[in-house]
Amino acid sequence: MPKLLLRLLILTLPFWVMACSVPGVVMGTVSTAGLAALSAQGVAKSIDDAEIMLSINHKLLQYKEGAYLTISANSLAGRVMLTGTVPNAEIAQHIENIARAHPDVRNVYNYLYIGEARSKRQILRDTLIASRLKTLMLFDGEISAVNFNISIHRGVVYIQGVAAHIEQAERVVNHARNIKSVQNVQLLFETIAEMQLAFDAERELEKKEAD
C-alpha cells in the first residue's frame, strides 16, 4: 500500500470507527494543522504531525495485537494529546512512553481515562457534542479551525491549539462550555511566539551539548 494512502487511512481512523468503542470523537486534520502553524513567519523548525501520528498508531497496532488502537493520539506542533479509556495505570503509562519515544515529540499530555469502556449512550453523547462544536467553529469567522485538534471523551472536551493569539482558543472554549452535556473543558494552547521560544531554547541546548 502506498505510504501516502496508509497515512491518510490512519489519520481518518477515528472518524470511521466513531460508532464503536472509540476513546473519543476527534475533530481536526492533524497534518495540516501542525504544518500550517509551523509555517508562520519566524518559525524555522518543521515538525510533521502526520508522521508522528502514523508512528504512534503503528506501535499501538503492534501493542497487544492492536487492543488499544482506538486510543486517540493527536499531535499538533509536536505536542501529543492522548485520550481514551484503558483498564489500568500501567497500560496508560506504557502508551504515554510509546508517544514520548518519537524524536519529534516535544511533550505528551496523558488524558487517558482508567476504567471500563464507555457505554453506547456515552459514545452517542460525545458524538453529538462533537457535531455541535464542529458546527459552531465552522460558522465562527474569528476561529481558524486548522489551528485546533479537539477530542471529546465522556463529556469532557479536550482542546489542543496553536495560533498567533489566545483569543481564538478562548472562543473555542466558550463554544464548548455552552453545549449541553459538556462536563468539563481542558485546553492545551500555545501561541506561535511561545512555540518559537521553546524551539530556540531547544536549539541552544543542542549547541551546548555538542560543544
N, C-alpha and C. Protein backbone atom coordinates (compact mmCIF):
# COMPACT_ATOMS: atom_id res chain seq x y z
N MET A 1 0.85 -1.20 0.00
CA MET A 1 0.00 0.00 0.00
C MET A 1 0.88 1.25 0.00
N PRO A 2 0.63 2.23 -0.86
CA PRO A 2 1.45 3.44 -0.90
C PRO A 2 1.47 4.13 0.45
N LYS A 3 2.61 4.74 0.78
CA LYS A 3 2.79 5.38 2.09
C LYS A 3 1.77 6.47 2.32
N LEU A 4 1.49 7.29 1.29
CA LEU A 4 0.54 8.39 1.45
C LEU A 4 -0.85 7.86 1.77
N LEU A 5 -1.27 6.79 1.08
CA LEU A 5 -2.59 6.22 1.32
C LEU A 5 -2.68 5.65 2.73
N LEU A 6 -1.62 4.96 3.17
CA LEU A 6 -1.59 4.41 4.53
C LEU A 6 -1.71 5.51 5.56
N ARG A 7 -1.03 6.63 5.34
CA ARG A 7 -1.09 7.76 6.26
C ARG A 7 -2.50 8.31 6.35
N LEU A 8 -3.14 8.47 5.21
CA LEU A 8 -4.50 9.01 5.20
C LEU A 8 -5.47 8.09 5.90
N LEU A 9 -5.30 6.78 5.73
CA LEU A 9 -6.19 5.82 6.37
C LEU A 9 -6.07 5.89 7.88
N ILE A 10 -4.85 6.01 8.39
CA ILE A 10 -4.64 6.07 9.83
C ILE A 10 -5.17 7.36 10.41
N LEU A 11 -4.96 8.46 9.70
CA LEU A 11 -5.41 9.76 10.21
C LEU A 11 -6.93 9.84 10.26
N THR A 12 -7.60 9.15 9.36
CA THR A 12 -9.06 9.22 9.34
C THR A 12 -9.71 8.12 10.16
N LEU A 13 -8.94 7.26 10.79
CA LEU A 13 -9.48 6.13 11.53
C LEU A 13 -10.50 6.52 12.58
N PRO A 14 -10.25 7.54 13.43
CA PRO A 14 -11.24 7.86 14.46
C PRO A 14 -12.62 8.18 13.90
N PHE A 15 -12.68 8.79 12.71
CA PHE A 15 -13.97 9.10 12.12
C PHE A 15 -14.72 7.83 11.70
N TRP A 16 -13.97 6.88 11.14
CA TRP A 16 -14.62 5.69 10.62
C TRP A 16 -15.12 4.78 11.74
N VAL A 17 -14.42 4.76 12.88
CA VAL A 17 -14.82 3.86 13.96
C VAL A 17 -15.58 4.60 15.04
N MET A 18 -16.11 5.76 14.71
CA MET A 18 -16.80 6.60 15.67
C MET A 18 -17.91 5.87 16.41
N ALA A 19 -18.64 5.01 15.74
CA ALA A 19 -19.78 4.36 16.35
C ALA A 19 -19.39 3.18 17.23
N CYS A 20 -18.13 2.78 17.21
CA CYS A 20 -17.68 1.66 18.02
C CYS A 20 -17.16 2.17 19.36
N SER A 21 -16.42 1.32 20.07
CA SER A 21 -15.94 1.72 21.40
C SER A 21 -14.67 2.54 21.29
N VAL A 22 -14.76 3.67 20.62
CA VAL A 22 -13.60 4.53 20.44
C VAL A 22 -13.44 5.43 21.66
N PRO A 23 -12.22 5.96 21.92
CA PRO A 23 -11.97 6.74 23.12
C PRO A 23 -12.64 8.09 23.09
N GLY A 24 -12.83 8.67 21.96
CA GLY A 24 -13.42 9.99 21.87
C GLY A 24 -13.65 10.34 20.41
N VAL A 25 -14.38 11.38 20.19
CA VAL A 25 -14.63 11.83 18.83
C VAL A 25 -13.59 12.88 18.50
N VAL A 26 -12.85 12.69 17.44
CA VAL A 26 -11.74 13.56 17.12
C VAL A 26 -12.11 14.50 15.99
N MET A 27 -11.79 15.77 16.17
CA MET A 27 -12.01 16.77 15.12
C MET A 27 -10.67 17.36 14.72
N GLY A 28 -10.57 17.77 13.45
CA GLY A 28 -9.36 18.44 13.00
C GLY A 28 -8.56 17.57 12.06
N THR A 29 -7.67 18.18 11.30
CA THR A 29 -6.78 17.46 10.42
C THR A 29 -5.37 17.68 10.92
N VAL A 30 -4.81 16.65 11.51
CA VAL A 30 -3.56 16.80 12.25
C VAL A 30 -2.41 17.27 11.38
N SER A 31 -2.20 16.63 10.22
CA SER A 31 -1.04 17.00 9.41
C SER A 31 -1.14 18.45 8.95
N THR A 32 -2.30 18.87 8.50
CA THR A 32 -2.47 20.25 8.04
C THR A 32 -2.32 21.23 9.18
N ALA A 33 -2.91 20.91 10.32
CA ALA A 33 -2.88 21.82 11.46
C ALA A 33 -1.46 22.09 11.91
N GLY A 34 -0.69 21.02 12.11
CA GLY A 34 0.66 21.20 12.61
C GLY A 34 1.54 21.96 11.65
N LEU A 35 1.51 21.59 10.38
CA LEU A 35 2.37 22.24 9.40
C LEU A 35 1.93 23.67 9.14
N ALA A 36 0.63 23.95 9.20
CA ALA A 36 0.15 25.31 9.00
C ALA A 36 0.64 26.22 10.10
N ALA A 37 0.58 25.74 11.33
CA ALA A 37 1.02 26.55 12.46
C ALA A 37 2.52 26.82 12.39
N LEU A 38 3.29 25.82 11.98
CA LEU A 38 4.73 25.97 11.97
C LEU A 38 5.24 26.73 10.75
N SER A 39 4.36 27.03 9.81
CA SER A 39 4.79 27.79 8.63
C SER A 39 4.72 29.30 8.87
N ALA A 40 4.31 29.68 10.09
CA ALA A 40 4.22 31.10 10.40
C ALA A 40 5.59 31.75 10.33
N GLN A 41 5.60 33.04 10.02
CA GLN A 41 6.86 33.77 9.88
C GLN A 41 7.67 33.70 11.16
N GLY A 42 8.95 33.38 11.05
CA GLY A 42 9.83 33.34 12.21
C GLY A 42 9.98 31.97 12.81
N VAL A 43 9.17 31.02 12.41
CA VAL A 43 9.26 29.66 12.94
C VAL A 43 10.01 28.81 11.94
N ALA A 44 11.23 28.45 12.30
CA ALA A 44 12.10 27.78 11.34
C ALA A 44 11.99 26.26 11.41
N LYS A 45 11.68 25.73 12.60
CA LYS A 45 11.67 24.28 12.76
C LYS A 45 10.42 23.68 12.15
N SER A 46 10.57 22.53 11.53
CA SER A 46 9.44 21.86 10.89
C SER A 46 9.18 20.53 11.59
N ILE A 47 7.93 20.30 11.96
CA ILE A 47 7.53 19.05 12.59
C ILE A 47 6.37 18.47 11.78
N ASP A 48 6.50 17.22 11.41
CA ASP A 48 5.47 16.55 10.64
C ASP A 48 4.54 15.80 11.60
N ASP A 49 3.42 16.44 11.95
CA ASP A 49 2.49 15.83 12.89
C ASP A 49 1.85 14.57 12.31
N ALA A 50 1.65 14.54 11.01
CA ALA A 50 1.08 13.35 10.38
C ALA A 50 2.00 12.15 10.58
N GLU A 51 3.30 12.36 10.45
CA GLU A 51 4.25 11.27 10.61
C GLU A 51 4.29 10.81 12.07
N ILE A 52 4.17 11.76 13.00
CA ILE A 52 4.15 11.41 14.43
C ILE A 52 2.96 10.51 14.73
N MET A 53 1.79 10.89 14.23
CA MET A 53 0.60 10.09 14.46
C MET A 53 0.70 8.73 13.78
N LEU A 54 1.25 8.71 12.60
CA LEU A 54 1.44 7.46 11.87
C LEU A 54 2.30 6.50 12.69
N SER A 55 3.40 7.03 13.24
CA SER A 55 4.33 6.21 14.01
C SER A 55 3.68 5.69 15.30
N ILE A 56 2.99 6.57 16.03
CA ILE A 56 2.36 6.16 17.29
C ILE A 56 1.27 5.13 17.04
N ASN A 57 0.42 5.37 16.03
CA ASN A 57 -0.65 4.43 15.74
C ASN A 57 -0.11 3.07 15.28
N HIS A 58 1.01 3.09 14.57
CA HIS A 58 1.63 1.84 14.14
C HIS A 58 2.08 1.03 15.35
N LYS A 59 2.66 1.70 16.34
CA LYS A 59 3.12 1.00 17.54
C LYS A 59 1.95 0.52 18.40
N LEU A 60 0.87 1.31 18.43
CA LEU A 60 -0.32 0.87 19.16
C LEU A 60 -0.94 -0.35 18.51
N LEU A 61 -0.85 -0.42 17.18
CA LEU A 61 -1.36 -1.57 16.45
C LEU A 61 -0.60 -2.83 16.83
N GLN A 62 0.71 -2.69 17.05
CA GLN A 62 1.54 -3.82 17.43
C GLN A 62 1.37 -4.19 18.90
N TYR A 63 1.01 -3.22 19.74
CA TYR A 63 0.90 -3.45 21.17
C TYR A 63 -0.32 -4.29 21.50
N LYS A 64 -0.10 -5.46 22.08
CA LYS A 64 -1.18 -6.37 22.48
C LYS A 64 -2.19 -6.59 21.35
N GLU A 65 -1.63 -6.86 20.16
CA GLU A 65 -2.44 -7.17 18.98
C GLU A 65 -3.46 -6.08 18.67
N GLY A 66 -3.07 -4.85 18.86
CA GLY A 66 -3.91 -3.73 18.48
C GLY A 66 -5.07 -3.47 19.42
N ALA A 67 -5.00 -3.99 20.64
CA ALA A 67 -6.11 -3.83 21.59
C ALA A 67 -6.37 -2.37 21.92
N TYR A 68 -5.34 -1.52 21.80
CA TYR A 68 -5.50 -0.12 22.17
C TYR A 68 -5.33 0.82 20.98
N LEU A 69 -5.61 0.31 19.78
CA LEU A 69 -5.54 1.16 18.59
C LEU A 69 -6.59 2.26 18.64
N THR A 70 -7.65 2.07 19.41
CA THR A 70 -8.72 3.06 19.49
C THR A 70 -8.36 4.25 20.37
N ILE A 71 -7.19 4.24 20.98
CA ILE A 71 -6.72 5.41 21.71
C ILE A 71 -6.50 6.55 20.70
N SER A 72 -6.95 7.74 21.05
CA SER A 72 -6.72 8.90 20.17
C SER A 72 -5.40 9.57 20.55
N ALA A 73 -4.48 9.60 19.61
CA ALA A 73 -3.20 10.26 19.81
C ALA A 73 -3.11 11.39 18.80
N ASN A 74 -3.41 12.60 19.25
CA ASN A 74 -3.39 13.77 18.35
C ASN A 74 -2.11 14.55 18.54
N SER A 75 -1.49 14.92 17.44
CA SER A 75 -0.26 15.70 17.50
C SER A 75 -0.46 17.05 16.84
N LEU A 76 -0.02 18.09 17.51
CA LEU A 76 -0.08 19.44 16.96
C LEU A 76 1.21 20.15 17.32
N ALA A 77 2.01 20.43 16.31
CA ALA A 77 3.33 21.06 16.50
C ALA A 77 4.19 20.25 17.46
N GLY A 78 4.08 18.94 17.37
CA GLY A 78 4.93 18.08 18.18
C GLY A 78 4.46 17.85 19.60
N ARG A 79 3.30 18.39 19.95
CA ARG A 79 2.73 18.15 21.28
C ARG A 79 1.61 17.12 21.13
N VAL A 80 1.76 16.01 21.80
CA VAL A 80 0.82 14.89 21.63
C VAL A 80 -0.18 14.87 22.78
N MET A 81 -1.46 14.72 22.43
CA MET A 81 -2.54 14.62 23.40
C MET A 81 -3.17 13.24 23.29
N LEU A 82 -3.16 12.50 24.40
CA LEU A 82 -3.71 11.16 24.44
C LEU A 82 -5.06 11.17 25.15
N THR A 83 -6.08 10.61 24.50
CA THR A 83 -7.39 10.46 25.13
C THR A 83 -7.92 9.06 24.85
N GLY A 84 -8.82 8.60 25.71
CA GLY A 84 -9.38 7.27 25.54
C GLY A 84 -9.49 6.57 26.88
N THR A 85 -9.86 5.32 26.86
CA THR A 85 -10.04 4.53 28.08
C THR A 85 -9.11 3.33 28.07
N VAL A 86 -8.43 3.12 29.19
CA VAL A 86 -7.58 1.94 29.38
C VAL A 86 -7.92 1.31 30.72
N PRO A 87 -7.65 0.01 30.90
CA PRO A 87 -8.07 -0.67 32.13
C PRO A 87 -7.25 -0.37 33.37
N ASN A 88 -5.99 0.08 33.21
CA ASN A 88 -5.18 0.33 34.40
C ASN A 88 -4.08 1.36 34.12
N ALA A 89 -3.47 1.85 35.20
CA ALA A 89 -2.46 2.91 35.10
C ALA A 89 -1.19 2.43 34.39
N GLU A 90 -0.86 1.15 34.53
CA GLU A 90 0.34 0.61 33.89
C GLU A 90 0.24 0.73 32.37
N ILE A 91 -0.90 0.39 31.82
CA ILE A 91 -1.09 0.49 30.38
C ILE A 91 -1.10 1.95 29.94
N ALA A 92 -1.73 2.82 30.74
CA ALA A 92 -1.74 4.25 30.42
C ALA A 92 -0.32 4.80 30.34
N GLN A 93 0.53 4.39 31.27
CA GLN A 93 1.93 4.85 31.26
C GLN A 93 2.69 4.28 30.07
N HIS A 94 2.40 3.02 29.73
CA HIS A 94 3.09 2.40 28.59
C HIS A 94 2.74 3.13 27.30
N ILE A 95 1.48 3.50 27.13
CA ILE A 95 1.06 4.21 25.93
C ILE A 95 1.72 5.60 25.89
N GLU A 96 1.81 6.25 27.05
CA GLU A 96 2.50 7.54 27.10
C GLU A 96 3.96 7.39 26.69
N ASN A 97 4.61 6.33 27.16
CA ASN A 97 6.01 6.08 26.81
C ASN A 97 6.18 5.87 25.31
N ILE A 98 5.21 5.19 24.69
CA ILE A 98 5.25 4.99 23.24
C ILE A 98 5.26 6.35 22.53
N ALA A 99 4.41 7.25 22.99
CA ALA A 99 4.33 8.57 22.36
C ALA A 99 5.61 9.37 22.60
N ARG A 100 6.14 9.32 23.80
CA ARG A 100 7.34 10.10 24.13
C ARG A 100 8.58 9.61 23.39
N ALA A 101 8.56 8.37 22.94
CA ALA A 101 9.74 7.80 22.29
C ALA A 101 10.00 8.40 20.92
N HIS A 102 9.01 9.03 20.32
CA HIS A 102 9.22 9.62 18.99
C HIS A 102 10.15 10.84 19.12
N PRO A 103 11.19 10.93 18.28
CA PRO A 103 12.18 12.01 18.41
C PRO A 103 11.64 13.42 18.21
N ASP A 104 10.52 13.58 17.48
CA ASP A 104 9.98 14.91 17.22
C ASP A 104 8.88 15.32 18.20
N VAL A 105 8.57 14.46 19.15
CA VAL A 105 7.54 14.79 20.14
C VAL A 105 8.13 15.70 21.20
N ARG A 106 7.53 16.88 21.37
CA ARG A 106 8.01 17.86 22.34
C ARG A 106 7.47 17.62 23.73
N ASN A 107 6.24 17.14 23.80
CA ASN A 107 5.63 16.85 25.09
C ASN A 107 4.43 15.94 24.88
N VAL A 108 4.04 15.24 25.92
CA VAL A 108 2.88 14.35 25.87
C VAL A 108 1.94 14.71 27.01
N TYR A 109 0.67 14.89 26.67
CA TYR A 109 -0.37 15.19 27.66
C TYR A 109 -1.28 13.98 27.75
N ASN A 110 -1.16 13.27 28.86
CA ASN A 110 -1.84 12.00 29.03
C ASN A 110 -3.18 12.21 29.73
N TYR A 111 -4.27 12.18 28.94
CA TYR A 111 -5.62 12.31 29.48
C TYR A 111 -6.37 10.98 29.41
N LEU A 112 -5.64 9.89 29.40
CA LEU A 112 -6.27 8.58 29.31
C LEU A 112 -7.09 8.30 30.57
N TYR A 113 -8.32 7.83 30.35
CA TYR A 113 -9.23 7.51 31.45
C TYR A 113 -9.03 6.06 31.85
N ILE A 114 -8.89 5.81 33.14
CA ILE A 114 -8.67 4.45 33.64
C ILE A 114 -10.00 3.91 34.17
N GLY A 115 -10.49 2.86 33.55
CA GLY A 115 -11.77 2.29 33.97
C GLY A 115 -12.38 1.44 32.88
N GLU A 116 -13.68 1.25 32.96
CA GLU A 116 -14.39 0.43 31.99
C GLU A 116 -14.68 1.24 30.72
N ALA A 117 -14.90 0.53 29.62
CA ALA A 117 -15.18 1.18 28.34
C ALA A 117 -16.48 1.98 28.43
N ARG A 118 -16.60 3.00 27.60
CA ARG A 118 -17.80 3.83 27.58
C ARG A 118 -19.02 3.04 27.16
N SER A 119 -20.16 3.46 27.66
CA SER A 119 -21.42 2.86 27.23
C SER A 119 -21.82 3.43 25.87
N LYS A 120 -22.78 2.78 25.21
CA LYS A 120 -23.27 3.28 23.93
C LYS A 120 -23.88 4.68 24.10
N ARG A 121 -24.50 4.91 25.23
CA ARG A 121 -25.10 6.22 25.49
C ARG A 121 -24.03 7.30 25.59
N GLN A 122 -22.92 6.97 26.26
CA GLN A 122 -21.81 7.94 26.36
C GLN A 122 -21.20 8.22 25.00
N ILE A 123 -21.05 7.19 24.19
CA ILE A 123 -20.50 7.37 22.84
C ILE A 123 -21.39 8.29 22.01
N LEU A 124 -22.69 8.05 22.08
CA LEU A 124 -23.64 8.88 21.34
C LEU A 124 -23.58 10.33 21.82
N ARG A 125 -23.52 10.52 23.11
CA ARG A 125 -23.45 11.87 23.66
C ARG A 125 -22.20 12.59 23.18
N ASP A 126 -21.06 11.90 23.23
CA ASP A 126 -19.81 12.51 22.78
C ASP A 126 -19.87 12.86 21.30
N THR A 127 -20.49 12.01 20.52
CA THR A 127 -20.63 12.26 19.08
C THR A 127 -21.47 13.51 18.82
N LEU A 128 -22.55 13.66 19.57
CA LEU A 128 -23.42 14.82 19.41
C LEU A 128 -22.70 16.10 19.83
N ILE A 129 -21.92 16.04 20.89
CA ILE A 129 -21.15 17.20 21.33
C ILE A 129 -20.17 17.61 20.23
N ALA A 130 -19.49 16.63 19.67
CA ALA A 130 -18.51 16.90 18.61
C ALA A 130 -19.17 17.55 17.41
N SER A 131 -20.32 17.04 17.02
CA SER A 131 -21.04 17.58 15.87
C SER A 131 -21.44 19.04 16.13
N ARG A 132 -21.94 19.31 17.32
CA ARG A 132 -22.37 20.66 17.66
C ARG A 132 -21.18 21.62 17.69
N LEU A 133 -20.09 21.20 18.31
CA LEU A 133 -18.92 22.08 18.41
C LEU A 133 -18.31 22.34 17.03
N LYS A 134 -18.27 21.31 16.20
CA LYS A 134 -17.74 21.48 14.85
C LYS A 134 -18.56 22.53 14.08
N THR A 135 -19.88 22.47 14.23
CA THR A 135 -20.75 23.44 13.55
C THR A 135 -20.50 24.85 14.06
N LEU A 136 -20.39 25.01 15.37
CA LEU A 136 -20.15 26.33 15.95
C LEU A 136 -18.82 26.92 15.48
N MET A 137 -17.79 26.09 15.41
CA MET A 137 -16.49 26.57 14.96
C MET A 137 -16.51 26.91 13.48
N LEU A 138 -17.24 26.12 12.71
CA LEU A 138 -17.31 26.34 11.26
C LEU A 138 -17.92 27.69 10.93
N PHE A 139 -18.93 28.10 11.70
CA PHE A 139 -19.63 29.35 11.40
C PHE A 139 -19.12 30.53 12.22
N ASP A 140 -18.03 30.34 12.95
CA ASP A 140 -17.41 31.44 13.69
C ASP A 140 -16.25 31.97 12.85
N GLY A 141 -16.42 33.13 12.27
CA GLY A 141 -15.40 33.71 11.41
C GLY A 141 -14.12 34.11 12.11
N GLU A 142 -14.13 34.12 13.44
CA GLU A 142 -12.94 34.51 14.20
C GLU A 142 -12.05 33.31 14.54
N ILE A 143 -12.50 32.11 14.18
CA ILE A 143 -11.75 30.90 14.52
C ILE A 143 -11.21 30.25 13.25
N SER A 144 -9.93 29.92 13.27
CA SER A 144 -9.32 29.15 12.19
C SER A 144 -9.24 27.70 12.66
N ALA A 145 -10.17 26.89 12.20
CA ALA A 145 -10.27 25.51 12.69
C ALA A 145 -9.01 24.70 12.45
N VAL A 146 -8.21 25.08 11.45
CA VAL A 146 -7.00 24.33 11.14
C VAL A 146 -6.00 24.40 12.28
N ASN A 147 -6.16 25.37 13.19
CA ASN A 147 -5.22 25.53 14.31
C ASN A 147 -5.59 24.69 15.52
N PHE A 148 -6.62 23.85 15.40
CA PHE A 148 -7.09 23.12 16.58
C PHE A 148 -7.35 21.65 16.30
N ASN A 149 -7.02 20.83 17.29
CA ASN A 149 -7.46 19.44 17.36
C ASN A 149 -8.37 19.33 18.57
N ILE A 150 -9.48 18.64 18.43
CA ILE A 150 -10.43 18.52 19.52
C ILE A 150 -10.88 17.07 19.66
N SER A 151 -10.88 16.57 20.89
CA SER A 151 -11.36 15.23 21.18
C SER A 151 -12.37 15.29 22.31
N ILE A 152 -13.46 14.55 22.18
CA ILE A 152 -14.48 14.52 23.22
C ILE A 152 -14.55 13.11 23.78
N HIS A 153 -14.43 13.01 25.10
CA HIS A 153 -14.46 11.70 25.76
C HIS A 153 -15.17 11.81 27.09
N ARG A 154 -16.28 11.08 27.23
CA ARG A 154 -17.07 11.07 28.47
C ARG A 154 -17.56 12.47 28.85
N GLY A 155 -17.94 13.24 27.85
CA GLY A 155 -18.47 14.57 28.10
C GLY A 155 -17.42 15.64 28.34
N VAL A 156 -16.15 15.28 28.33
CA VAL A 156 -15.06 16.24 28.50
C VAL A 156 -14.52 16.62 27.13
N VAL A 157 -14.42 17.91 26.88
CA VAL A 157 -13.89 18.41 25.61
C VAL A 157 -12.42 18.76 25.79
N TYR A 158 -11.57 18.09 25.05
CA TYR A 158 -10.13 18.34 25.09
C TYR A 158 -9.76 19.16 23.86
N ILE A 159 -9.27 20.38 24.09
CA ILE A 159 -8.93 21.30 23.01
C ILE A 159 -7.42 21.49 22.96
N GLN A 160 -6.85 21.23 21.80
CA GLN A 160 -5.42 21.38 21.58
C GLN A 160 -5.23 22.40 20.46
N GLY A 161 -4.52 23.49 20.75
CA GLY A 161 -4.41 24.54 19.75
C GLY A 161 -3.07 25.22 19.70
N VAL A 162 -2.83 25.89 18.56
CA VAL A 162 -1.66 26.74 18.39
C VAL A 162 -2.03 27.81 17.36
N ALA A 163 -1.83 29.06 17.71
CA ALA A 163 -2.18 30.16 16.81
C ALA A 163 -1.46 31.42 17.27
N ALA A 164 -1.66 32.48 16.53
CA ALA A 164 -0.98 33.74 16.86
C ALA A 164 -1.49 34.34 18.16
N HIS A 165 -2.77 34.19 18.45
CA HIS A 165 -3.37 34.82 19.62
C HIS A 165 -4.25 33.84 20.39
N ILE A 166 -4.25 33.97 21.70
CA ILE A 166 -5.02 33.07 22.55
C ILE A 166 -6.52 33.33 22.44
N GLU A 167 -6.90 34.49 21.88
CA GLU A 167 -8.33 34.81 21.76
C GLU A 167 -9.08 33.73 20.97
N GLN A 168 -8.42 33.15 19.96
CA GLN A 168 -9.07 32.08 19.20
C GLN A 168 -9.41 30.90 20.10
N ALA A 169 -8.47 30.53 20.93
CA ALA A 169 -8.69 29.40 21.84
C ALA A 169 -9.81 29.71 22.82
N GLU A 170 -9.86 30.94 23.30
CA GLU A 170 -10.91 31.33 24.24
C GLU A 170 -12.30 31.21 23.61
N ARG A 171 -12.39 31.53 22.32
CA ARG A 171 -13.67 31.42 21.63
C ARG A 171 -14.09 29.96 21.51
N VAL A 172 -13.15 29.08 21.21
CA VAL A 172 -13.46 27.65 21.12
C VAL A 172 -13.92 27.13 22.48
N VAL A 173 -13.22 27.53 23.53
CA VAL A 173 -13.59 27.11 24.89
C VAL A 173 -15.00 27.57 25.23
N ASN A 174 -15.32 28.81 24.92
CA ASN A 174 -16.66 29.34 25.22
C ASN A 174 -17.74 28.59 24.45
N HIS A 175 -17.47 28.27 23.19
CA HIS A 175 -18.44 27.49 22.42
C HIS A 175 -18.67 26.13 23.09
N ALA A 176 -17.59 25.48 23.51
CA ALA A 176 -17.70 24.16 24.13
C ALA A 176 -18.49 24.21 25.43
N ARG A 177 -18.23 25.22 26.24
CA ARG A 177 -18.89 25.33 27.55
C ARG A 177 -20.39 25.56 27.42
N ASN A 178 -20.83 26.10 26.31
CA ASN A 178 -22.25 26.40 26.12
C ASN A 178 -23.03 25.23 25.51
N ILE A 179 -22.35 24.12 25.27
CA ILE A 179 -23.02 22.95 24.69
C ILE A 179 -23.57 22.07 25.81
N LYS A 180 -24.81 21.67 25.66
CA LYS A 180 -25.45 20.80 26.63
C LYS A 180 -24.69 19.48 26.75
N SER A 181 -24.59 18.97 27.95
CA SER A 181 -23.95 17.69 28.29
C SER A 181 -22.43 17.77 28.41
N VAL A 182 -21.82 18.92 28.13
CA VAL A 182 -20.38 19.06 28.34
C VAL A 182 -20.10 19.13 29.83
N GLN A 183 -19.25 18.22 30.31
CA GLN A 183 -18.93 18.15 31.73
C GLN A 183 -17.76 19.05 32.12
N ASN A 184 -16.81 19.18 31.21
CA ASN A 184 -15.61 19.96 31.51
C ASN A 184 -14.89 20.27 30.20
N VAL A 185 -14.02 21.26 30.23
CA VAL A 185 -13.22 21.63 29.05
C VAL A 185 -11.76 21.72 29.47
N GLN A 186 -10.91 21.01 28.76
CA GLN A 186 -9.47 21.04 29.01
C GLN A 186 -8.79 21.71 27.81
N LEU A 187 -7.99 22.73 28.07
CA LEU A 187 -7.32 23.47 26.99
C LEU A 187 -5.82 23.32 27.06
N LEU A 188 -5.25 22.93 25.92
CA LEU A 188 -3.80 22.93 25.73
C LEU A 188 -3.52 23.90 24.59
N PHE A 189 -2.98 25.06 24.93
CA PHE A 189 -2.80 26.06 23.88
C PHE A 189 -1.42 26.70 24.00
N GLU A 190 -0.89 27.05 22.84
CA GLU A 190 0.42 27.67 22.76
C GLU A 190 0.41 28.67 21.61
N THR A 191 0.91 29.87 21.86
CA THR A 191 0.99 30.86 20.79
C THR A 191 2.21 30.58 19.91
N ILE A 192 2.20 31.14 18.73
CA ILE A 192 3.34 31.00 17.82
C ILE A 192 4.61 31.51 18.50
N ALA A 193 4.50 32.62 19.22
CA ALA A 193 5.67 33.20 19.89
C ALA A 193 6.21 32.26 20.96
N GLU A 194 5.32 31.66 21.74
CA GLU A 194 5.75 30.71 22.77
C GLU A 194 6.41 29.49 22.15
N MET A 195 5.87 29.03 21.04
CA MET A 195 6.44 27.89 20.36
C MET A 195 7.84 28.21 19.83
N GLN A 196 8.01 29.42 19.30
CA GLN A 196 9.32 29.81 18.79
C GLN A 196 10.35 29.88 19.91
N LEU A 197 9.94 30.41 21.07
CA LEU A 197 10.84 30.46 22.23
C LEU A 197 11.27 29.06 22.65
N ALA A 198 10.33 28.12 22.63
CA ALA A 198 10.64 26.74 23.00
C ALA A 198 11.63 26.13 22.03
N PHE A 199 11.43 26.38 20.73
CA PHE A 199 12.35 25.86 19.72
C PHE A 199 13.74 26.48 19.85
N ASP A 200 13.78 27.78 20.14
CA ASP A 200 15.07 28.47 20.31
C ASP A 200 15.82 27.91 21.50
N ALA A 201 15.10 27.67 22.59
CA ALA A 201 15.72 27.11 23.79
C ALA A 201 16.26 25.71 23.52
N GLU A 202 15.50 24.94 22.76
CA GLU A 202 15.95 23.59 22.41
C GLU A 202 17.20 23.63 21.54
N ARG A 203 17.23 24.58 20.62
CA ARG A 203 18.38 24.71 19.74
C ARG A 203 19.64 25.11 20.53
N GLU A 204 19.48 26.02 21.48
CA GLU A 204 20.61 26.43 22.32
C GLU A 204 21.12 25.28 23.15
N LEU A 205 20.20 24.46 23.68
CA LEU A 205 20.60 23.32 24.47
C LEU A 205 21.36 22.31 23.63
N GLU A 206 20.92 22.11 22.40
CA GLU A 206 21.62 21.17 21.50
C GLU A 206 23.03 21.67 21.19
N LYS A 207 23.17 22.99 21.04
CA LYS A 207 24.50 23.56 20.77
C LYS A 207 25.44 23.34 21.95
N LYS A 208 24.93 23.54 23.17
CA LYS A 208 25.76 23.37 24.37
C LYS A 208 26.17 21.91 24.54
N GLU A 209 25.25 21.00 24.23
CA GLU A 209 25.58 19.58 24.35
C GLU A 209 26.60 19.15 23.30
N ALA A 210 26.58 19.82 22.15
CA ALA A 210 27.52 19.48 21.07
C ALA A 210 28.93 20.01 21.35
N ASP A 211 29.02 21.11 22.12
CA ASP A 211 30.33 21.72 22.42
C ASP A 211 31.13 20.88 23.40
